Protein backbone atom coordinates (compact mmCIF):
# COMPACT_ATOMS: atom_id res chain seq x y z
CA MET A 1 0.20 0.04 -0.15
CA ALA A 2 1.13 3.53 -0.46
CA GLU A 3 2.94 5.30 1.82
CA ILE A 4 0.58 7.96 3.12
CA ALA A 5 2.61 11.28 4.14
CA CYS A 6 3.29 14.30 1.97
CA LYS A 7 6.45 14.83 0.56
CA THR A 8 8.70 17.35 2.12
CA ALA A 9 11.98 19.23 0.23
CA THR A 10 14.69 16.85 0.03
CA LYS A 11 18.12 17.80 -1.27
CA LYS A 12 17.59 15.75 -4.62
CA SER A 13 15.88 16.70 -7.42
CA PRO A 14 12.38 14.85 -8.35
CA PHE A 15 14.09 14.41 -11.51
CA ILE A 16 16.32 11.44 -9.93
CA THR A 17 13.75 10.88 -7.46
CA SER A 18 10.35 10.58 -8.77
CA GLU A 19 8.94 6.91 -9.98
CA ASP A 20 6.82 8.97 -12.52
CA TRP A 21 10.11 10.69 -14.23
CA TRP A 22 11.60 7.28 -13.85
CA SER A 23 8.69 5.82 -15.64
CA VAL A 24 9.60 8.33 -18.32
CA TYR A 25 13.25 7.35 -19.03
CA LEU A 26 13.02 3.83 -19.32
CA GLY A 27 9.97 3.66 -21.52
CA ILE A 28 11.40 6.10 -24.15
CA PHE A 29 14.97 4.29 -23.46
CA PHE A 30 12.85 0.66 -24.55
CA LEU A 31 10.90 2.51 -27.45
CA LEU A 32 14.44 4.14 -28.79
CA LEU A 33 16.67 0.77 -28.30
CA VAL A 34 13.88 -1.61 -29.76
CA PHE A 35 13.41 0.93 -32.60
CA LEU A 36 17.54 1.25 -32.89
CA ALA A 37 17.66 -2.80 -33.08
CA PHE A 38 15.42 -2.20 -36.02
CA ALA A 39 16.62 0.30 -38.06
CA THR A 40 20.24 -0.72 -37.72
CA HIS A 41 19.68 -4.44 -37.79
CA PHE A 42 22.36 -4.75 -35.36
CA ALA A 43 20.45 -7.41 -33.41
CA ASN A 44 17.84 -9.92 -33.96
CA PRO A 45 14.91 -7.44 -33.63
CA ASP A 46 12.72 -10.21 -32.94
CA ILE A 47 14.42 -11.82 -29.59
CA ILE A 48 12.65 -9.80 -27.37
CA LYS A 49 9.03 -11.23 -28.68
CA ASN A 50 9.91 -14.41 -28.27
CA ALA A 51 10.27 -14.21 -24.69
CA MET A 52 6.41 -14.91 -23.94
CA PRO A 53 5.30 -18.71 -23.32
CA VAL A 54 3.00 -20.17 -26.37
CA GLU A 55 -0.47 -21.17 -25.39
CA TRP A 56 -0.10 -24.99 -24.30
CA PRO A 57 -1.01 -27.42 -24.83
CA LYS A 58 -1.73 -26.37 -28.36
CA LYS A 59 1.50 -25.70 -28.89
CA ASP A 60 4.77 -26.93 -26.87
CA LEU A 61 5.43 -25.46 -24.34
CA VAL A 62 8.95 -27.05 -23.28
CA GLY A 63 10.74 -26.75 -26.77
CA HIS A 64 9.47 -23.34 -27.28
CA LEU A 65 10.98 -22.32 -23.41
CA ILE A 66 14.64 -24.20 -24.16
CA SER A 67 14.78 -22.80 -27.62
CA ASN A 68 14.20 -19.35 -26.50
CA LEU A 69 15.49 -19.31 -22.71
CA PRO A 70 18.23 -17.05 -24.44
CA ALA A 71 15.30 -14.24 -24.76
CA TYR A 72 13.89 -14.87 -21.26
CA ILE A 73 17.58 -14.25 -20.18
CA LEU A 74 17.59 -10.86 -21.82
CA VAL A 75 14.53 -9.68 -20.74
CA TYR A 76 15.51 -10.56 -17.40
CA ALA A 77 18.90 -8.71 -17.64
CA LEU A 78 17.36 -5.45 -19.28
CA LEU A 79 14.66 -5.31 -16.89
CA THR A 80 16.76 -6.05 -13.76
CA VAL A 81 19.93 -3.57 -15.15
CA LEU A 82 17.70 -0.94 -15.88
CA THR A 83 15.19 -1.22 -12.95
CA THR A 84 17.67 -1.21 -10.61
CA ILE A 85 19.51 1.95 -11.60
CA ALA A 86 15.73 3.72 -10.75
CA ALA A 87 15.82 1.75 -7.47
CA ARG A 88 19.12 3.03 -6.25
CA ALA A 89 18.54 6.47 -7.50
CA MET A 90 14.66 6.56 -5.41
CA GLY A 91 17.16 5.16 -2.51
CA GLU A 92 16.92 1.52 -2.18
CA ASN A 93 19.28 -1.28 -1.06
CA VAL A 94 20.96 -2.29 -4.52
CA LEU A 95 21.39 -6.25 -3.30
CA HIS A 96 17.77 -5.76 -1.62
CA TYR A 97 16.49 -4.84 -4.84
CA ILE A 98 17.83 -7.02 -7.40
CA ALA A 99 17.16 -10.18 -5.16
CA GLY A 100 13.13 -8.88 -4.46
CA PHE A 101 13.25 -8.45 -8.38
CA THR A 102 14.32 -11.75 -9.04
CA VAL A 103 11.51 -13.48 -7.20
CA LEU A 104 9.12 -10.85 -8.96
CA PHE A 105 10.76 -12.07 -12.14
CA LEU A 106 10.11 -15.50 -11.23
CA GLY A 107 6.91 -15.23 -10.19
CA ALA A 108 5.80 -13.53 -13.31
CA PHE A 109 7.47 -16.02 -15.56
CA LEU A 110 5.00 -18.66 -13.74
CA VAL A 111 1.94 -16.92 -14.09
CA LEU A 112 2.70 -16.10 -17.51
CA ILE A 113 3.08 -19.87 -18.23
CA LEU A 114 -0.15 -20.33 -15.95
CA GLY A 115 -2.32 -17.50 -18.02
CA SER A 116 -1.08 -19.14 -21.63
CA GLN A 117 -2.76 -22.19 -20.43
CA GLN A 118 -5.19 -23.17 -23.18
CA THR A 119 -8.26 -23.94 -21.57
CA LEU A 120 -7.82 -21.43 -19.00
CA LYS A 121 -7.28 -18.90 -21.58
CA HIS A 122 -9.96 -19.59 -22.73
CA TYR A 123 -12.16 -18.51 -20.18
CA GLY A 124 -10.48 -15.41 -19.36
CA LEU A 125 -8.11 -16.51 -16.91
CA GLU A 126 -4.86 -15.02 -17.83
CA TYR A 127 -1.91 -13.38 -16.19
CA PRO A 128 -3.58 -10.81 -14.74
CA PHE A 129 -5.96 -12.86 -12.87
CA TRP A 130 -3.15 -15.50 -11.64
CA SER A 131 -0.98 -11.93 -11.08
CA LEU A 132 -3.47 -11.12 -8.40
CA VAL A 133 -4.43 -14.69 -6.90
CA LEU A 134 -0.69 -15.75 -6.85
CA GLY A 135 0.23 -12.17 -4.88
CA LEU A 136 -2.87 -12.17 -2.42
CA ILE A 137 -2.11 -15.65 -0.93
CA ILE A 138 1.41 -15.05 -0.52
CA GLY A 139 0.97 -11.33 0.80
CA ASN A 140 -1.67 -12.59 3.02
CA LEU A 141 -0.30 -15.58 4.39
CA LEU A 142 3.16 -14.68 4.76
CA PRO A 143 5.04 -11.25 6.17
CA LEU A 144 7.18 -9.74 2.77
CA PRO A 145 10.83 -9.48 3.84
CA ARG A 146 12.58 -5.87 3.53
CA TRP A 147 14.72 -7.16 0.22
CA LEU A 148 11.71 -8.26 -1.48
CA ARG A 149 9.37 -5.63 -0.66
CA ALA A 150 12.55 -3.17 -2.07
CA ALA A 151 10.84 -4.70 -5.58
CA SER A 152 7.40 -5.16 -4.33
CA ASP A 153 6.59 -1.54 -3.55
CA HIS A 154 7.57 -0.01 -6.41
CA THR A 155 3.76 -1.28 -8.31
CA GLU A 156 3.43 2.15 -9.59
CA PHE A 157 6.67 2.37 -11.33
CA TYR A 158 6.13 -0.41 -13.22
CA ILE A 159 2.75 0.07 -14.29
CA LYS A 160 3.65 3.79 -15.26
CA THR A 161 6.54 2.13 -17.41
CA GLY A 162 4.25 -0.19 -18.88
CA ILE A 163 1.84 2.47 -19.79
CA VAL A 164 4.57 4.73 -21.54
CA LEU A 165 5.10 1.54 -24.03
CA LEU A 166 1.05 1.50 -24.32
CA GLY A 167 1.87 4.55 -26.04
CA ALA A 168 3.66 3.24 -28.88
CA ALA A 169 0.99 0.82 -29.75
CA LEU A 170 -1.83 3.39 -30.26
CA PRO A 171 -1.24 5.57 -33.02
CA PHE A 172 -1.39 9.30 -32.13
CA THR A 173 -4.64 9.87 -34.46
CA THR A 174 -6.55 7.29 -32.56
CA ILE A 175 -5.27 9.33 -29.23
CA VAL A 176 -6.56 12.41 -30.43
CA LYS A 177 -10.02 11.06 -31.61
CA GLY A 178 -10.68 8.70 -28.62
CA GLY A 179 -9.12 11.13 -26.56
CA ILE A 180 -11.70 14.05 -26.92
CA TRP A 181 -14.30 11.61 -25.67
CA GLY A 182 -12.09 9.97 -23.31
CA PHE A 183 -11.62 13.55 -21.60
CA LEU A 184 -15.52 14.17 -21.53
CA GLU A 185 -15.92 10.97 -20.11
CA ALA A 186 -13.52 11.29 -17.12
CA ALA A 187 -14.26 15.09 -16.91
CA LEU A 188 -17.99 14.08 -15.92
CA ILE A 189 -17.30 11.14 -14.07
CA ILE A 190 -14.86 13.27 -11.56
CA ALA A 191 -17.56 16.60 -11.03
CA THR A 192 -20.00 13.61 -10.66
CA GLY A 193 -18.48 12.06 -8.30
CA PHE A 194 -17.24 14.93 -6.26
CA THR A 195 -20.72 16.22 -5.78
CA THR A 196 -22.16 12.94 -4.63
CA ALA A 197 -19.16 12.52 -2.34
CA PHE A 198 -19.86 16.36 -0.58
CA LEU A 199 -23.46 15.98 -0.73
CA ILE A 200 -23.32 12.79 0.79
CA SER A 201 -20.52 13.30 3.20
CA ARG A 202 -21.87 16.82 4.75
CA LYS A 203 -25.15 14.83 5.33
CA LEU A 204 -23.42 12.31 7.41
CA GLY A 205 -21.56 14.89 9.01
CA LEU A 206 -18.39 14.25 7.87
CA GLU A 207 -16.25 17.28 7.35
CA ARG A 208 -15.06 19.09 4.27
CA GLU A 209 -11.49 18.08 4.21
CA PHE A 210 -12.74 14.19 4.60
CA ALA A 211 -15.61 14.47 1.81
CA ALA A 212 -12.57 16.04 -0.80
CA VAL A 213 -10.72 13.31 -0.04
CA LEU A 214 -13.37 10.54 -0.10
CA GLY A 215 -14.11 12.76 -3.80
CA ALA A 216 -10.74 12.01 -5.23
CA GLY A 217 -10.07 8.74 -4.28
CA SER A 218 -13.11 7.24 -5.62
CA SER A 219 -13.19 9.69 -8.63
CA ILE A 220 -9.85 10.34 -10.32
CA CYS A 221 -6.91 7.96 -9.66
CA GLY A 222 -7.26 6.09 -5.84
CA VAL A 223 -4.45 6.39 -3.50
CA SER A 224 -2.44 8.70 -5.29
CA ALA A 225 -5.44 11.32 -5.74
CA ALA A 226 -6.11 11.16 -2.25
CA ILE A 227 -2.55 11.44 -1.02
CA ALA A 228 -2.01 14.91 -3.41
CA VAL A 229 -5.35 16.14 -2.74
CA GLY A 230 -5.02 15.57 1.33
CA CYS A 231 -1.65 17.57 1.48
CA ALA A 232 -2.82 20.17 -1.12
CA ILE A 233 -6.09 21.42 1.54
CA GLY A 234 -4.29 19.97 4.62
CA ALA A 235 -6.43 16.99 5.11
CA ASP A 236 -5.55 14.67 8.65
CA GLN A 237 -3.48 11.90 7.34
CA LYS A 238 -4.73 9.51 9.44
CA LYS A 239 -8.03 10.07 7.39
CA VAL A 240 -6.11 10.01 3.98
CA GLY A 241 -4.86 6.62 4.76
CA TYR A 242 -7.95 5.30 5.58
CA VAL A 243 -9.15 6.36 2.26
CA ALA A 244 -6.44 4.62 0.69
CA SER A 245 -7.49 1.24 2.54
CA LEU A 246 -11.28 1.89 0.86
CA VAL A 247 -9.39 2.31 -2.65
CA VAL A 248 -7.17 -0.84 -2.04
CA LEU A 249 -10.00 -2.36 -1.16
CA TYR A 250 -13.05 -1.63 -3.58
CA ALA A 251 -10.37 -1.44 -6.39
CA LEU A 252 -9.28 -5.01 -5.85
CA GLY A 253 -12.88 -5.99 -6.17
CA LEU A 254 -13.95 -4.48 -9.58
CA ILE A 255 -11.11 -6.08 -10.73
CA PHE A 256 -12.95 -8.75 -10.90
CA LEU A 257 -16.53 -7.72 -11.19
CA LEU A 258 -16.21 -5.59 -13.95
CA PRO A 259 -14.67 -8.02 -16.77
CA ALA A 260 -17.57 -10.40 -15.35
CA LEU A 261 -20.29 -7.32 -15.95
CA SER A 262 -18.52 -6.76 -19.44
CA ARG A 263 -19.28 -10.49 -20.23
CA LEU A 264 -22.54 -10.77 -18.66
CA LEU A 265 -24.14 -8.11 -20.78
CA GLY A 266 -22.25 -8.62 -24.08
CA LEU A 267 -20.90 -5.38 -24.05
CA ASN A 268 -18.03 -5.11 -26.91
CA ASP A 269 -14.65 -4.44 -26.08
CA VAL A 270 -14.49 -0.90 -26.51
CA VAL A 271 -17.03 0.05 -24.64
CA ALA A 272 -15.84 -2.67 -21.50
CA GLY A 273 -12.61 -0.59 -21.96
CA ALA A 274 -14.14 2.41 -21.22
CA TRP A 275 -16.48 1.63 -18.71
CA ILE A 276 -13.46 0.13 -16.69
CA GLY A 277 -11.58 3.49 -17.11
CA GLY A 278 -14.38 5.26 -16.00
CA SER A 279 -15.16 3.38 -13.13
CA GLU A 280 -11.93 1.65 -11.29
CA LEU A 281 -10.06 3.58 -8.83
CA ALA A 282 -6.36 2.88 -9.50
CA ASP A 283 -4.19 2.50 -12.82
CA ALA A 284 -2.76 -0.51 -12.13
CA ALA A 285 -5.92 -1.96 -11.12
CA GLY A 286 -7.86 -1.06 -13.94
CA LEU A 287 -5.54 -2.41 -16.04
CA ALA A 288 -5.55 -6.06 -14.58
CA ALA A 289 -9.50 -5.59 -15.41
CA ALA A 290 -9.40 -4.70 -18.97
CA ALA A 291 -6.38 -6.99 -19.66
CA MET A 292 -9.03 -9.27 -18.48
CA VAL A 293 -11.47 -8.30 -21.16
CA SER A 294 -8.63 -7.73 -24.16
CA GLU A 295 -5.93 -5.65 -25.38
CA LYS A 296 -8.28 -3.55 -27.25
CA ALA A 297 -9.91 -2.99 -23.89
CA VAL A 298 -6.53 -2.02 -22.23
CA GLN A 299 -6.07 0.48 -25.34
CA VAL A 300 -9.58 2.43 -24.55
CA PHE A 301 -9.66 1.92 -20.69
CA THR A 302 -5.97 3.61 -20.98
CA LEU A 303 -7.43 6.79 -23.17
CA VAL A 304 -10.12 7.29 -20.29
CA LYS A 305 -7.76 6.66 -17.46
CA LEU A 306 -5.23 8.78 -18.14
CA ASN A 307 -7.87 11.93 -18.19
CA ARG A 308 -8.90 10.98 -15.03
CA ASP A 309 -4.90 10.85 -13.83
CA VAL A 310 -3.92 14.11 -15.65
CA MET A 311 -6.96 15.53 -13.57
CA VAL A 312 -5.40 14.96 -10.13
CA ALA A 313 -3.03 18.31 -11.15
CA ILE A 314 -5.86 20.55 -11.46
CA VAL A 315 -8.47 19.17 -8.97
CA ALA A 316 -5.54 19.31 -6.07
CA PHE A 317 -4.71 23.18 -7.10
CA ILE A 318 -8.37 24.24 -7.26
CA LEU A 319 -8.99 22.54 -3.70
CA ALA A 320 -5.65 24.04 -2.48
CA ILE A 321 -6.94 27.51 -3.34
CA VAL A 322 -10.58 26.35 -1.32
CA ALA A 323 -8.98 25.34 1.22
CA VAL A 324 -7.30 28.44 2.12
CA THR A 325 -9.29 31.12 0.87
CA ARG A 326 -12.44 29.73 2.28
CA TRP A 327 -12.03 26.41 4.91
CA GLY A 328 -9.04 28.72 6.55
CA ASN A 329 -6.85 25.77 6.18
CA GLY A 330 -4.96 23.39 4.27
CA GLN A 331 -2.08 25.78 3.89
CA GLY A 332 -0.50 23.02 1.34
CA GLU A 333 3.05 22.03 0.90
CA THR A 334 4.59 25.28 0.09
CA GLY A 335 2.13 27.33 2.58
CA ARG A 336 0.38 28.71 -0.22
CA PRO A 337 -1.00 27.25 -3.42
CA GLY A 338 0.55 28.00 -6.94
CA VAL A 339 0.55 27.21 -10.09
CA GLY A 340 3.62 25.23 -9.62
CA VAL A 341 0.98 22.47 -7.88
CA ILE A 342 -0.30 21.65 -11.54
CA TRP A 343 2.82 20.85 -12.75
CA GLU A 344 4.18 19.24 -9.62
CA ARG A 345 1.32 16.91 -9.26
CA PHE A 346 0.55 16.15 -13.25
CA PRO A 347 1.82 13.03 -13.96
CA LYS A 348 4.78 13.19 -16.32
CA PHE A 349 4.33 9.62 -17.52
CA VAL A 350 1.26 10.65 -19.70
CA LEU A 351 3.57 13.25 -21.38
CA ALA A 352 5.76 10.12 -22.32
CA PHE A 353 2.78 7.95 -23.41
CA LEU A 354 1.91 11.02 -26.36
CA VAL A 355 5.75 10.96 -27.36
CA ALA A 356 6.06 6.82 -27.93
CA SER A 357 3.12 7.42 -29.99
CA LEU A 358 3.93 9.91 -32.03
CA LEU A 359 7.26 8.36 -32.54
CA SER A 360 5.36 5.11 -33.43
CA THR A 361 3.20 7.05 -35.46
CA TYR A 362 5.93 8.43 -37.63
CA TRP A 363 7.58 5.29 -38.05
CA VAL A 364 4.73 3.02 -39.18
CA SER A 365 4.56 6.17 -42.16
CA THR A 366 8.04 6.08 -42.87
CA TYR A 367 9.36 2.32 -42.80
CA GLY A 368 5.70 0.65 -43.33
CA THR A 369 4.49 -1.97 -41.15
CA ALA A 370 6.70 -3.68 -40.71
CA VAL A 371 7.14 -1.56 -37.26
CA ASN A 372 4.43 -3.16 -36.20
CA ALA A 373 5.82 -6.75 -35.87
CA HIS A 374 9.26 -5.96 -35.43
CA VAL A 375 9.18 -2.84 -32.83
CA ILE A 376 5.96 -2.59 -31.29
CA GLY A 377 5.26 -6.39 -31.28
CA ASN A 378 8.35 -6.71 -29.33
CA LEU A 379 7.33 -2.99 -26.78
CA ASN A 380 4.48 -4.94 -26.17
CA VAL A 381 5.93 -8.21 -24.57
CA LEU A 382 8.05 -5.84 -22.62
CA ARG A 383 5.19 -4.33 -21.05
CA THR A 384 3.14 -7.51 -20.81
CA TRP A 385 6.24 -8.29 -18.42
CA LEU A 386 6.24 -5.02 -16.53
CA PHE A 387 1.90 -5.70 -16.08
CA THR A 388 2.95 -8.94 -14.61
CA LEU A 389 4.95 -7.59 -12.37
CA ALA A 390 2.84 -4.67 -11.00
CA PHE A 391 -0.32 -6.98 -10.64
CA LEU A 392 1.66 -9.26 -8.64
CA CYS A 393 2.62 -6.32 -6.30
CA ILE A 394 -0.96 -5.54 -6.01
CA GLY A 395 -1.82 -8.54 -4.75
CA LEU A 396 1.78 -8.50 -2.64
CA ASN A 397 0.97 -5.18 -1.18
CA THR A 398 -3.30 -6.11 -0.03
CA ARG A 399 -3.75 -7.37 2.89
CA PHE A 400 -6.87 -7.69 4.18
CA LYS A 401 -5.89 -7.18 7.69
CA ASP A 402 -4.82 -3.88 7.57
CA LEU A 403 -8.34 -2.66 5.61
CA LYS A 404 -9.73 -1.96 9.39
CA VAL A 405 -13.43 -0.11 9.26
CA GLU A 406 -13.37 3.14 11.10
CA GLY A 407 -17.27 4.01 11.47
CA ILE A 408 -19.57 3.16 8.98
CA LYS A 409 -20.48 6.71 7.87
CA PRO A 410 -17.24 7.05 6.04
CA VAL A 411 -17.65 3.61 4.35
CA ILE A 412 -21.68 4.55 2.84
CA ALA A 413 -20.11 8.04 1.41
CA PHE A 414 -17.60 6.06 -0.36
CA SER A 415 -19.65 3.27 -1.58
CA THR A 416 -22.40 5.39 -3.16
CA VAL A 417 -19.70 7.69 -4.70
CA VAL A 418 -18.04 4.28 -5.66
CA LEU A 419 -21.70 2.95 -7.08
CA VAL A 420 -22.27 5.97 -9.02
CA ASN A 421 -19.38 6.15 -11.07
CA VAL A 422 -19.97 2.63 -12.12
CA VAL A 423 -23.31 3.60 -13.28
CA MET A 424 -22.47 6.79 -15.14
CA GLY A 425 -19.33 5.18 -16.51
CA PHE A 426 -21.37 2.37 -17.79
CA ILE A 427 -23.89 5.40 -19.20
CA LEU A 428 -20.81 7.36 -20.84
CA SER A 429 -18.80 4.66 -22.03
CA HIS A 430 -22.22 3.60 -24.38
CA LEU A 431 -22.57 7.46 -25.51
CA PHE A 432 -18.89 8.39 -26.22
CA PHE A 433 -17.51 5.19 -27.07
CA GLY A 434 -20.51 3.03 -28.31
CA GLY A 435 -21.59 4.88 -30.86
CA ILE A 436 -24.60 6.76 -29.46
CA ILE A 437 -22.95 10.15 -29.66
CA ALA A 438 -19.83 9.10 -31.36
CA GLN A 439 -18.04 5.87 -31.90
CA PRO A 440 -14.45 7.29 -31.92
CA ILE A 441 -11.89 3.75 -32.08
CA LYS A 442 -12.95 0.34 -34.15
């Protein structure tokens, strides 16, 4: 679970210590590395793509693993070295991190093998499901040693880097077209969620600060939004931590509920992805849910959810001003809100996601469709490994004993907002992505 604390000034620059910035660096580095291997023919451009278990027993799994062992070793070495550099810059013990990451990688390897089993795959029980189940079992039965936590505590780092790589699989024209509707869905979800949170919370006698944190956690981007808004308005950090616990609990339930409902209701992958993007509480949880539907659902989910992520900066800034000028508290991190709050809270990996899309779109127009097979295909495999690592970490860091209920009123308020968002997300996904008002993605 994310550490619930407002950041204070440090001697090191956020360009060095921030997971957000490191996801930008690594995502763009992977993108350029794979493209250069393709463009210069310096190395086999498809070696990374081979590091993904085949569907078995339809295909020979053992034969595949033996013949492609160098590909798996390369992916392990590449991810270990580069993420270790980032982890060291963020203050982790190098030996602890390498040991922890190695265990996570082996766990991800087993999960990918299990998720590629032909019958399980047919019923939608692929790697996101098994990552979460394995992580939850281990995380709730065994105490995590410090060396494992050095790697498992970086869920957002893995997921954000993977999202940057996802940008390469989305043509920029699609992002522009679908992003407009994704922005509208995100804006309406957040507006509705905050309005509901304030109305219900005030009706139940909860203070305004608590209502703001509840609205942020349930409507924008989960734990990150709760922390950002809580710090911006000077909310009680114990209550911020409580909202974070609710986010983890509800996000976990929605991972399994939303894909199941999508199948039950017969939603197409585009609408399902947009619904999950507007309803899920956190990036990693939403990606896990969307991945249980399809790759197309993941792409559409990303268009909607990234718009919600971006808005955390704007919402934190606005609420900081309101807290200072109207509520008489919440001086924020610097003693007064400033325009810099927007940039500070802005998720930088979103910019790298757009850069990745622009570059891949340009490369396809220049080099032809071979880029899809030899560049984007390899990046998709790296992305799958990063997502699997992130989903494992979600399970490992979710301990049910920590999710203590502190009174029924906040639970009622939070549950109401989540329910309203799920209903609104369902309606808006049909309006903006299902052909009623627009059908931006096919």
